[in-house]
Amino acid sequence: MELLLQQFLTCMKELSHNNSNIANMLLEKVKGKNKLVVSDHNFILDIIPDKTINNLRETVKLMVDAGFEKECSDLYISLRKEWLEDLLINKLLGLRKMGFKDHKIGKRIKASKVALKILFPSERRLYDKVFSGSFFISSDLWFSEVCRGATIQLLNFADSFVNQSPSARRLFKILDLFETLSDLIPEFEALFTDSLVNEAIQTKNRLGEVSRDIFMEFGNLIFLTPNADLDCWVDGGVHPMTCEATGYIVLAFKSRQKLEQVLREYSTVAANGTGTSLFDSLMELIMEKFERNLEAKSQTCEDPALRYFFMLNNISLIKYKFKTFWDDRFCKNTTQYLEFYCKSSWSKVIDILKIDINESAASNSEAYSMKGKLNLFNQKFREMCAIQSTWRVFDEQLRKQIIIYVETMLLPAYENFIARFENVLGKNADEYRMSDIQDQLNHLFLLQDIDVDSVRGSVRNQLVS
């Protein structure tokens, strides 16, 4: 027995000499940026020399024939199990170094796929080749014991997200884990006994239920950002809450298929009977709350024009980011806020140029009165331009849209005023000619606010690692 045991341990030591190469090659697959492609389940067998495998198989046969079947299997399971756990936990998943924290989740998901699609199937091929014809008991049971520790750690990593505090950011990490584990269930079924398969299914179900619960609270969670309590900006710019919440909502739309799956498979509410999906119903409620939150922020502005400008700015950004998903939701609102903004600011300037019926007679006294009106118009126009030149819009298209709208209100009124009183006032009285007014308007809102294509960058960067 002692001689056979020593021979077996020598063969296992020779086998372990290849562990480092196997680990490094698997780690390269985890670190690689390309999508994982599984082409060969003989990954481990191709690395280990045939002589090493043949020597081990012959030694196993000798031990079994000598009646040491249990000792042989226990030793093999113990040694390979220890290596697999160290490889998966420390090297591929990196759990011992970083614990169950949720950053680097993308690479850990890929590590899980490498384990189930490459490592475990290859280890199974090695196991079958070493023990082929040696045991009468189920090889599935023995192999499951080899991989049990590593597999449980992998499931524990996924399960660690279930009991963490809910957040909008964490929802999409959990959804990724849910999708990954759902896709890997066939691998579990092909490799392991029912007990490990059932544990994998239970973990997947818990992830699905947590995803459902977080999404049901999504309308509250997306507004719990560090800057959510800040008031409306003094320049009417895009609020940080808008950037954060919009980023999360875009991610929800992009994850729609997965979210609808968990809402359907783990449903806790009856169908509404209207034909509208639960996803759409929840998103409608979120949008309504979004607008209410922005309106509450806008009320901190003393200037009504700035209040409507702030709403126009933020709602326009939302409309821009959702144009692929929800094209018509905010169309009416942006037009309304643009009209309210102009009426509460530029209409006051335009009203100065209104002509009474008596003034159209253009008597000398009335002409001088109109000259006073023009001077007042010039003064108010300057003041309005000075104030609004410091305001911000989120993109150039919105800036041009606002300026064109103001021009269509202001320029005809100014042109009509000058045309009717030019003879009395003289050509030099119109301090601002048409082109001068347009030039002043074209210098409004020149301060750059944000890059609209990176609004959700901060959210995305937290999720992709």
Protein backbone atom coordinates (compact mmCIF):
# COMPACT_ATOMS: atom_id res chain seq x y z
CA MET A 1 0.00 0.00 0.00
CA GLU A 2 2.71 2.47 0.98
CA LEU A 3 4.62 1.88 -2.24
CA LEU A 4 1.50 2.35 -4.37
CA LEU A 5 0.57 5.46 -2.42
CA GLN A 6 4.01 6.96 -2.98
CA GLN A 7 3.81 6.13 -6.68
CA PHE A 8 0.37 7.77 -6.88
CA LEU A 9 1.59 10.93 -5.13
CA THR A 10 4.56 11.11 -7.51
CA CYS A 11 2.20 10.94 -10.50
CA MET A 12 -0.03 13.64 -8.99
CA LYS A 13 3.02 15.84 -8.43
CA GLU A 14 3.98 15.44 -12.09
CA LEU A 15 0.42 16.36 -13.00
CA SER A 16 0.59 19.52 -10.85
CA HIS A 17 3.70 20.72 -12.70
CA ASN A 18 1.33 21.78 -15.48
CA ASN A 19 -0.99 23.73 -13.19
CA SER A 20 0.86 27.01 -13.59
CA ASN A 21 0.64 26.91 -17.40
CA ILE A 22 -3.06 26.02 -17.24
CA ALA A 23 -3.75 28.88 -14.82
CA ASN A 24 -1.87 31.43 -16.92
CA MET A 25 -3.65 30.46 -20.13
CA LEU A 26 -7.06 30.63 -18.44
CA LEU A 27 -6.19 33.97 -16.88
CA GLU A 28 -5.37 35.34 -20.34
CA LYS A 29 -8.84 34.34 -21.50
CA VAL A 30 -10.37 36.17 -18.53
CA LYS A 31 -8.31 39.31 -19.13
CA GLY A 32 -8.89 39.31 -22.88
CA LYS A 33 -11.22 41.98 -24.26
CA ASN A 34 -12.69 39.75 -26.95
CA LYS A 35 -15.84 37.72 -26.43
CA LEU A 36 -15.14 34.29 -24.98
CA VAL A 37 -15.08 31.62 -27.69
CA VAL A 38 -15.08 27.98 -26.58
CA SER A 39 -13.60 25.73 -29.23
CA ASP A 40 -11.90 22.89 -27.33
CA HIS A 41 -12.91 21.03 -24.18
CA ASN A 42 -9.56 19.18 -24.28
CA PHE A 43 -7.86 22.34 -23.05
CA ILE A 44 -6.16 20.67 -20.06
CA LEU A 45 -5.41 17.39 -21.86
CA ASP A 46 -3.62 19.30 -24.62
CA ILE A 47 -1.27 20.91 -22.09
CA ILE A 48 -0.44 17.84 -19.99
CA PRO A 49 2.02 15.36 -21.60
CA ASP A 50 0.48 12.01 -22.55
CA LYS A 51 3.13 10.22 -20.52
CA THR A 52 2.02 12.00 -17.33
CA ILE A 53 -1.63 11.05 -17.87
CA ASN A 54 -0.81 7.44 -18.81
CA ASN A 55 1.41 6.94 -15.75
CA LEU A 56 -1.32 8.30 -13.49
CA ARG A 57 -4.00 6.13 -15.11
CA GLU A 58 -1.88 2.98 -14.72
CA THR A 59 -1.18 3.79 -11.07
CA VAL A 60 -4.88 4.38 -10.41
CA LYS A 61 -5.69 0.98 -11.96
CA LEU A 62 -3.10 -0.71 -9.74
CA MET A 63 -4.54 0.90 -6.61
CA VAL A 64 -8.11 -0.04 -7.52
CA ASP A 65 -7.09 -3.61 -8.33
CA ALA A 66 -5.33 -3.77 -4.96
CA GLY A 67 -8.51 -2.72 -3.16
CA PHE A 68 -7.49 0.87 -2.43
CA GLU A 69 -10.23 2.46 -4.48
CA LYS A 70 -11.42 4.80 -1.70
CA GLU A 71 -7.92 5.96 -0.75
CA CYS A 72 -7.12 6.65 -4.41
CA SER A 73 -10.31 8.61 -5.05
CA ASP A 74 -10.04 10.56 -1.78
CA LEU A 75 -6.48 11.64 -2.55
CA TYR A 76 -7.24 12.61 -6.15
CA ILE A 77 -10.34 14.57 -5.14
CA SER A 78 -8.49 16.33 -2.31
CA LEU A 79 -5.50 17.40 -4.44
CA ARG A 80 -7.41 18.50 -7.54
CA LYS A 81 -10.12 20.14 -5.44
CA GLU A 82 -7.54 22.21 -3.56
CA TRP A 83 -5.96 23.36 -6.82
CA LEU A 84 -9.28 24.17 -8.50
CA GLU A 85 -10.44 26.23 -5.54
CA ASP A 86 -7.18 28.18 -5.42
CA LEU A 87 -7.26 28.73 -9.19
CA LEU A 88 -10.86 29.93 -9.30
CA ILE A 89 -11.01 31.89 -6.05
CA ASN A 90 -7.59 33.55 -6.02
CA LYS A 91 -6.56 33.83 -9.64
CA LEU A 92 -9.64 33.88 -11.88
CA LEU A 93 -12.19 35.52 -9.57
CA GLY A 94 -9.73 37.28 -7.26
CA LEU A 95 -12.13 36.88 -4.34
CA ARG A 96 -9.62 36.32 -1.57
CA LYS A 97 -7.79 39.54 -2.39
CA MET A 98 -10.84 41.76 -2.93
CA GLY A 99 -13.65 39.84 -1.20
CA PHE A 100 -17.19 39.95 -2.59
CA LYS A 101 -17.12 43.62 -3.53
CA ASP A 102 -18.96 44.41 -6.74
CA HIS A 103 -16.29 46.23 -8.72
CA LYS A 104 -14.52 44.32 -11.46
CA ILE A 105 -17.74 42.37 -11.89
CA GLY A 106 -17.36 42.22 -15.67
CA LYS A 107 -14.12 40.26 -15.41
CA ARG A 108 -15.56 38.05 -12.69
CA ILE A 109 -18.53 37.21 -14.88
CA LYS A 110 -16.11 36.29 -17.63
CA ALA A 111 -14.13 34.20 -15.13
CA SER A 112 -17.33 32.32 -14.28
CA LYS A 113 -17.89 31.59 -17.97
CA VAL A 114 -14.28 30.43 -18.35
CA ALA A 115 -14.74 28.10 -15.38
CA LEU A 116 -18.01 26.53 -16.58
CA LYS A 117 -17.28 26.47 -20.31
CA ILE A 118 -13.55 25.64 -20.35
CA LEU A 119 -12.01 24.75 -16.97
CA PHE A 120 -14.60 22.33 -15.57
CA PRO A 121 -15.32 20.52 -18.88
CA SER A 122 -11.58 20.12 -19.45
CA GLU A 123 -11.11 18.90 -15.89
CA ARG A 124 -13.93 16.40 -16.52
CA ARG A 125 -12.13 15.09 -19.63
CA LEU A 126 -8.97 14.65 -17.55
CA TYR A 127 -10.93 12.88 -14.80
CA ASP A 128 -12.61 10.52 -17.28
CA LYS A 129 -9.30 9.66 -18.93
CA VAL A 130 -7.54 8.97 -15.64
CA PHE A 131 -10.33 6.87 -14.12
CA SER A 132 -11.84 5.26 -17.22
CA GLY A 133 -12.69 1.63 -16.43
CA SER A 134 -11.40 1.83 -12.87
CA PHE A 135 -14.58 2.48 -10.82
CA PHE A 136 -17.97 0.91 -10.82
CA ILE A 137 -19.59 3.78 -8.96
CA SER A 138 -20.91 6.90 -10.62
CA SER A 139 -18.14 9.07 -12.04
CA ASP A 140 -20.54 12.05 -11.89
CA LEU A 141 -20.60 11.85 -8.11
CA TRP A 142 -16.82 11.75 -7.78
CA PHE A 143 -16.26 14.54 -10.27
CA SER A 144 -18.86 16.73 -8.56
CA GLU A 145 -16.81 16.36 -5.39
CA VAL A 146 -13.68 17.52 -7.24
CA CYS A 147 -15.40 20.73 -8.36
CA ARG A 148 -17.81 21.25 -5.46
CA GLY A 149 -15.69 23.69 -3.45
CA ALA A 150 -14.81 25.86 -6.44
CA THR A 151 -18.39 25.78 -7.73
CA ILE A 152 -19.86 26.74 -4.35
CA GLN A 153 -17.46 29.70 -4.16
CA LEU A 154 -18.54 30.76 -7.63
CA LEU A 155 -22.21 30.59 -6.59
CA ASN A 156 -21.43 32.39 -3.33
CA PHE A 157 -19.92 35.23 -5.34
CA ALA A 158 -23.15 35.58 -7.32
CA ASP A 159 -25.28 35.11 -4.21
CA SER A 160 -23.34 37.81 -2.34
CA PHE A 161 -25.28 40.46 -4.26
CA VAL A 162 -28.64 39.23 -2.98
CA ASN A 163 -28.30 40.63 0.54
CA GLN A 164 -26.55 43.89 -0.32
CA SER A 165 -28.40 47.17 0.01
CA PRO A 166 -30.43 47.92 -3.14
CA SER A 167 -29.24 50.64 -5.50
CA ALA A 168 -29.87 51.63 -9.10
CA ARG A 169 -26.25 50.94 -10.00
CA ARG A 170 -26.31 47.48 -8.45
CA LEU A 171 -29.45 46.49 -10.38
CA PHE A 172 -27.55 46.17 -13.65
CA LYS A 173 -24.73 44.18 -12.06
CA ILE A 174 -27.27 41.74 -10.64
CA LEU A 175 -29.02 41.52 -14.01
CA ASP A 176 -25.70 40.65 -15.66
CA LEU A 177 -25.13 37.92 -13.05
CA PHE A 178 -28.69 36.64 -13.53
CA GLU A 179 -28.25 36.45 -17.30
CA THR A 180 -24.85 34.78 -16.98
CA LEU A 181 -26.07 32.16 -14.53
CA SER A 182 -29.18 31.50 -16.64
CA ASP A 183 -26.96 30.89 -19.65
CA LEU A 184 -24.67 28.60 -17.64
CA ILE A 185 -27.39 26.33 -16.21
CA PRO A 186 -27.02 23.90 -19.18
CA GLU A 187 -23.30 23.63 -18.34
CA PHE A 188 -24.15 22.84 -14.71
CA GLU A 189 -26.61 20.17 -15.85
CA ALA A 190 -24.06 18.60 -18.20
CA LEU A 191 -21.24 18.55 -15.65
CA PHE A 192 -22.62 18.03 -12.16
CA THR A 193 -25.05 16.04 -10.05
CA ASP A 194 -28.50 17.31 -9.13
CA SER A 195 -27.40 18.89 -5.84
CA LEU A 196 -25.02 21.37 -7.50
CA VAL A 197 -27.48 21.99 -10.34
CA ASN A 198 -30.23 22.77 -7.83
CA GLU A 199 -27.96 25.17 -5.94
CA ALA A 200 -27.17 26.98 -9.20
CA ILE A 201 -30.87 27.25 -10.07
CA GLN A 202 -31.72 28.53 -6.59
CA THR A 203 -28.99 31.17 -6.82
CA LYS A 204 -30.25 32.23 -10.25
CA ASN A 205 -33.79 32.52 -8.89
CA ARG A 206 -32.65 34.66 -5.96
CA LEU A 207 -30.85 36.99 -8.37
CA GLY A 208 -34.01 37.21 -10.48
CA GLU A 209 -36.18 38.02 -7.47
CA VAL A 210 -33.76 40.69 -6.22
CA SER A 211 -33.61 42.23 -9.72
CA ARG A 212 -37.40 42.39 -9.75
CA ASP A 213 -37.57 43.99 -6.29
CA ILE A 214 -34.93 46.61 -7.10
CA PHE A 215 -36.60 47.54 -10.37
CA MET A 216 -39.94 47.93 -8.62
CA GLU A 217 -38.17 50.57 -6.47
CA PHE A 218 -36.19 51.97 -9.40
CA GLY A 219 -38.22 55.18 -9.48
CA ASN A 220 -37.01 56.02 -5.99
CA LEU A 221 -33.47 54.69 -6.21
CA ILE A 222 -32.38 56.65 -9.30
CA PHE A 223 -32.99 59.95 -7.52
CA LEU A 224 -30.95 59.01 -4.43
CA THR A 225 -27.76 60.55 -5.81
CA PRO A 226 -25.22 62.55 -3.77
CA ASN A 227 -26.20 65.78 -5.58
CA ALA A 228 -29.96 65.18 -5.63
CA ASP A 229 -30.59 67.78 -2.91
CA LEU A 230 -28.89 70.61 -4.81
CA ASP A 231 -31.12 73.43 -5.99
CA CYS A 232 -31.55 74.68 -9.55
CA TRP A 233 -28.29 76.04 -10.98
CA VAL A 234 -28.00 79.84 -11.19
CA ASP A 235 -27.16 79.45 -14.88
CA GLY A 236 -30.13 77.17 -15.60
CA GLY A 237 -27.82 74.34 -16.59
CA VAL A 238 -28.42 70.60 -16.48
CA HIS A 239 -28.80 69.36 -12.91
CA PRO A 240 -26.55 66.48 -11.72
CA MET A 241 -29.68 64.55 -10.75
CA THR A 242 -30.78 64.71 -14.40
CA CYS A 243 -27.47 63.31 -15.61
CA GLU A 244 -27.46 60.45 -13.10
CA ALA A 245 -31.12 59.52 -13.40
CA THR A 246 -31.11 59.77 -17.20
CA GLY A 247 -28.07 57.50 -17.36
CA TYR A 248 -29.78 54.84 -15.26
CA ILE A 249 -33.03 55.05 -17.23
CA VAL A 250 -31.15 54.62 -20.52
CA LEU A 251 -29.50 51.52 -19.05
CA ALA A 252 -32.93 50.25 -18.02
CA PHE A 253 -34.19 50.65 -21.58
CA LYS A 254 -31.13 48.86 -22.92
CA SER A 255 -31.72 46.08 -20.37
CA ARG A 256 -35.43 45.95 -21.18
CA GLN A 257 -35.42 42.35 -22.37
CA LYS A 258 -33.76 41.11 -19.18
CA LEU A 259 -35.97 43.25 -16.95
CA GLU A 260 -39.14 42.06 -18.67
CA GLN A 261 -37.91 38.50 -18.20
CA VAL A 262 -37.51 38.85 -14.42
CA LEU A 263 -40.80 40.75 -14.14
CA ARG A 264 -42.52 37.93 -16.01
CA GLU A 265 -40.81 34.92 -14.40
CA TYR A 266 -40.90 36.29 -10.86
CA SER A 267 -44.14 38.24 -11.05
CA THR A 268 -45.76 39.46 -7.83
CA VAL A 269 -48.54 41.50 -9.45
CA ALA A 270 -51.41 40.57 -11.75
CA ALA A 271 -51.49 41.83 -15.34
CA ASN A 272 -53.09 45.27 -15.60
CA GLY A 273 -55.43 44.17 -18.41
CA THR A 274 -54.66 47.25 -20.52
CA GLY A 275 -52.18 45.58 -22.82
CA THR A 276 -49.40 47.78 -21.42
CA SER A 277 -46.41 45.85 -20.10
CA LEU A 278 -45.41 46.22 -16.46
CA PHE A 279 -42.08 47.62 -17.67
CA ASP A 280 -43.82 50.41 -19.62
CA SER A 281 -46.17 51.16 -16.74
CA LEU A 282 -43.28 51.51 -14.31
CA MET A 283 -41.32 53.69 -16.71
CA GLU A 284 -44.33 55.98 -17.18
CA LEU A 285 -44.51 56.49 -13.41
CA ILE A 286 -40.77 57.14 -13.27
CA MET A 287 -41.03 59.79 -16.00
CA GLU A 288 -43.84 61.55 -14.21
CA LYS A 289 -41.85 61.59 -10.99
CA PHE A 290 -38.76 62.79 -12.87
CA GLU A 291 -40.61 65.84 -14.17
CA ARG A 292 -42.12 66.56 -10.75
CA ASN A 293 -38.68 66.46 -9.17
CA LEU A 294 -37.31 68.89 -11.74
CA GLU A 295 -40.24 71.23 -11.25
CA ALA A 296 -39.56 71.21 -7.52
CA LYS A 297 -35.93 72.16 -8.22
CA SER A 298 -37.02 74.96 -10.54
CA GLN A 299 -39.14 76.57 -7.83
CA THR A 300 -35.94 77.68 -6.07
CA CYS A 301 -35.34 80.12 -8.96
CA GLU A 302 -36.65 83.61 -8.22
CA ASP A 303 -36.57 84.57 -11.90
CA PRO A 304 -39.52 82.91 -13.70
CA ALA A 305 -37.60 83.00 -16.99
CA LEU A 306 -34.69 81.09 -15.44
CA ARG A 307 -37.17 78.64 -13.92
CA TYR A 308 -38.64 77.76 -17.32
CA PHE A 309 -35.22 77.83 -18.97
CA PHE A 310 -33.98 75.29 -16.42
CA MET A 311 -36.95 73.02 -17.16
CA LEU A 312 -36.47 73.43 -20.92
CA ASN A 313 -32.79 72.58 -20.59
CA ASN A 314 -33.24 69.47 -18.46
CA ILE A 315 -36.32 68.13 -20.26
CA SER A 316 -34.59 68.65 -23.63
CA LEU A 317 -31.63 66.60 -22.43
CA ILE A 318 -33.97 63.83 -21.31
CA LYS A 319 -35.75 63.93 -24.67
CA TYR A 320 -32.41 63.75 -26.48
CA LYS A 321 -31.19 60.75 -24.49
CA PHE A 322 -34.49 58.88 -24.85
CA LYS A 323 -35.09 59.58 -28.54
CA THR A 324 -34.26 55.98 -29.47
CA PHE A 325 -36.51 54.51 -26.80
CA TRP A 326 -39.41 56.89 -26.16
CA ASP A 327 -39.62 59.44 -28.93
CA ASP A 328 -42.80 61.39 -28.13
CA ARG A 329 -42.90 61.42 -24.34
CA PHE A 330 -41.55 64.96 -23.81
CA CYS A 331 -42.28 66.68 -27.14
CA LYS A 332 -45.20 68.73 -25.83
CA ASN A 333 -43.39 69.65 -22.64
CA THR A 334 -40.33 71.15 -24.33
CA THR A 335 -42.52 73.36 -26.52
CA GLN A 336 -44.48 74.51 -23.48
CA TYR A 337 -41.38 75.39 -21.49
CA LEU A 338 -39.90 77.26 -24.47
CA GLU A 339 -43.07 79.35 -24.76
CA PHE A 340 -43.20 80.03 -21.02
CA TYR A 341 -39.53 81.03 -21.00
CA CYS A 342 -40.01 83.53 -23.84
CA LYS A 343 -43.20 84.99 -22.40
CA SER A 344 -41.61 85.54 -18.99
CA SER A 345 -38.52 87.26 -20.41
CA TRP A 346 -38.52 88.44 -24.02
CA SER A 347 -42.22 89.29 -24.17
CA LYS A 348 -41.55 92.03 -21.63
CA VAL A 349 -38.95 93.53 -23.95
CA ILE A 350 -41.20 93.21 -26.99
CA ASP A 351 -44.13 94.83 -25.18
CA ILE A 352 -42.11 98.07 -25.02
CA LEU A 353 -42.43 98.35 -28.80
CA LYS A 354 -46.21 98.08 -28.88
CA ILE A 355 -47.85 101.01 -30.69
CA ASP A 356 -51.08 102.57 -29.51
CA ILE A 357 -53.61 103.77 -32.10
CA ASN A 358 -52.98 107.41 -31.20
CA GLU A 359 -49.22 107.01 -31.57
CA SER A 360 -49.60 105.88 -35.17
CA ALA A 361 -50.51 109.48 -36.06
CA ALA A 362 -46.88 110.33 -35.35
CA SER A 363 -47.30 113.84 -33.90
CA ASN A 364 -44.12 115.45 -32.61
CA SER A 365 -44.86 114.78 -28.94
CA GLU A 366 -45.83 111.20 -29.65
CA ALA A 367 -42.75 110.72 -31.82
CA TYR A 368 -40.50 111.83 -28.96
CA SER A 369 -42.44 109.41 -26.74
CA MET A 370 -41.65 106.63 -29.18
CA LYS A 371 -38.01 107.64 -29.17
CA GLY A 372 -38.12 107.13 -25.43
CA LYS A 373 -39.62 103.72 -26.03
CA LEU A 374 -36.76 102.82 -28.33
CA ASN A 375 -34.21 103.95 -25.75
CA LEU A 376 -35.99 101.87 -23.10
CA PHE A 377 -36.07 98.91 -25.47
CA ASN A 378 -32.33 99.21 -26.08
CA GLN A 379 -31.68 99.35 -22.34
CA LYS A 380 -33.84 96.32 -21.52
CA PHE A 381 -32.51 94.41 -24.48
CA ARG A 382 -28.93 94.98 -23.29
CA GLU A 383 -29.83 93.91 -19.76
CA MET A 384 -31.59 90.77 -20.96
CA CYS A 385 -28.66 89.79 -23.19
CA ALA A 386 -26.16 90.45 -20.38
CA ILE A 387 -28.08 88.19 -18.00
CA GLN A 388 -28.79 85.36 -20.42
CA SER A 389 -25.32 85.32 -21.95
CA THR A 390 -24.25 83.58 -18.71
CA TRP A 391 -26.90 80.88 -18.96
CA ARG A 392 -26.03 77.41 -20.22
CA VAL A 393 -27.74 75.04 -22.62
CA PHE A 394 -26.83 71.39 -22.93
CA ASP A 395 -26.14 71.41 -26.68
CA GLU A 396 -25.83 73.66 -29.73
CA GLN A 397 -29.05 72.43 -31.33
CA LEU A 398 -31.15 73.56 -28.36
CA ARG A 399 -29.26 76.87 -28.28
CA LYS A 400 -30.13 77.55 -31.93
CA GLN A 401 -33.73 76.48 -31.36
CA ILE A 402 -34.16 79.00 -28.52
CA ILE A 403 -32.50 81.84 -30.45
CA ILE A 404 -34.62 81.23 -33.55
CA TYR A 405 -37.77 81.20 -31.42
CA VAL A 406 -36.78 84.52 -29.80
CA GLU A 407 -35.96 86.00 -33.21
CA THR A 408 -39.39 85.08 -34.60
CA MET A 409 -40.98 86.99 -31.72
CA LEU A 410 -38.66 89.97 -31.46
CA LEU A 411 -37.40 90.84 -34.94
CA PRO A 412 -40.79 91.39 -36.67
CA ALA A 413 -41.95 93.64 -33.81
CA TYR A 414 -38.71 95.64 -33.94
CA GLU A 415 -38.77 95.89 -37.73
CA ASN A 416 -42.37 97.09 -37.69
CA PHE A 417 -41.62 99.69 -35.02
CA ILE A 418 -38.64 101.14 -36.90
CA ALA A 419 -40.48 101.15 -40.25
CA ARG A 420 -43.40 103.17 -38.89
CA PHE A 421 -41.36 105.78 -37.09
CA GLU A 422 -38.15 105.99 -39.11
CA ASN A 423 -39.12 109.32 -40.72
CA VAL A 424 -39.69 110.97 -37.34
CA LEU A 425 -36.93 109.34 -35.35
CA GLY A 426 -34.26 109.45 -38.01
CA LYS A 427 -32.14 106.58 -39.20
CA ASN A 428 -29.57 107.15 -36.46
CA ALA A 429 -32.13 106.55 -33.73
CA ASP A 430 -32.23 102.81 -34.16
CA GLU A 431 -29.18 102.11 -32.06
CA TYR A 432 -29.61 98.44 -32.83
CA ARG A 433 -30.15 97.65 -36.46
CA MET A 434 -31.63 94.30 -37.43
CA SER A 435 -28.22 92.66 -37.91
CA ASP A 436 -26.98 94.09 -34.60
CA ILE A 437 -29.88 92.55 -32.70
CA GLN A 438 -29.32 89.20 -34.37
CA ASP A 439 -25.63 89.37 -33.48
CA GLN A 440 -26.48 90.02 -29.82
CA LEU A 441 -28.90 87.10 -29.76
CA ASN A 442 -26.33 84.83 -31.35
CA HIS A 443 -24.06 85.46 -28.36
CA LEU A 444 -26.56 84.06 -25.88
CA PHE A 445 -25.88 80.80 -24.03
CA LEU A 446 -22.33 80.43 -25.30
CA LEU A 447 -21.11 78.77 -22.11
CA GLN A 448 -20.66 75.06 -22.73
CA ASP A 449 -22.60 72.88 -20.33
CA ILE A 450 -21.96 69.16 -20.88
CA ASP A 451 -21.05 66.63 -23.53
CA VAL A 452 -24.43 65.06 -24.26
CA ASP A 453 -22.88 61.83 -25.49
CA SER A 454 -21.12 61.29 -22.17
CA VAL A 455 -24.04 62.16 -19.88
CA ARG A 456 -24.19 58.60 -18.69
CA GLY A 457 -20.43 58.15 -18.67
CA SER A 458 -20.13 58.17 -14.90
CA VAL A 459 -22.85 55.55 -14.63
CA ARG A 460 -21.45 53.41 -17.43
CA ASN A 461 -17.90 53.52 -16.07
CA GLN A 462 -19.09 52.18 -12.74
CA LEU A 463 -20.75 49.22 -14.45
CA VAL A 464 -18.32 48.13 -17.11
CA SER A 465 -15.30 47.40 -14.93
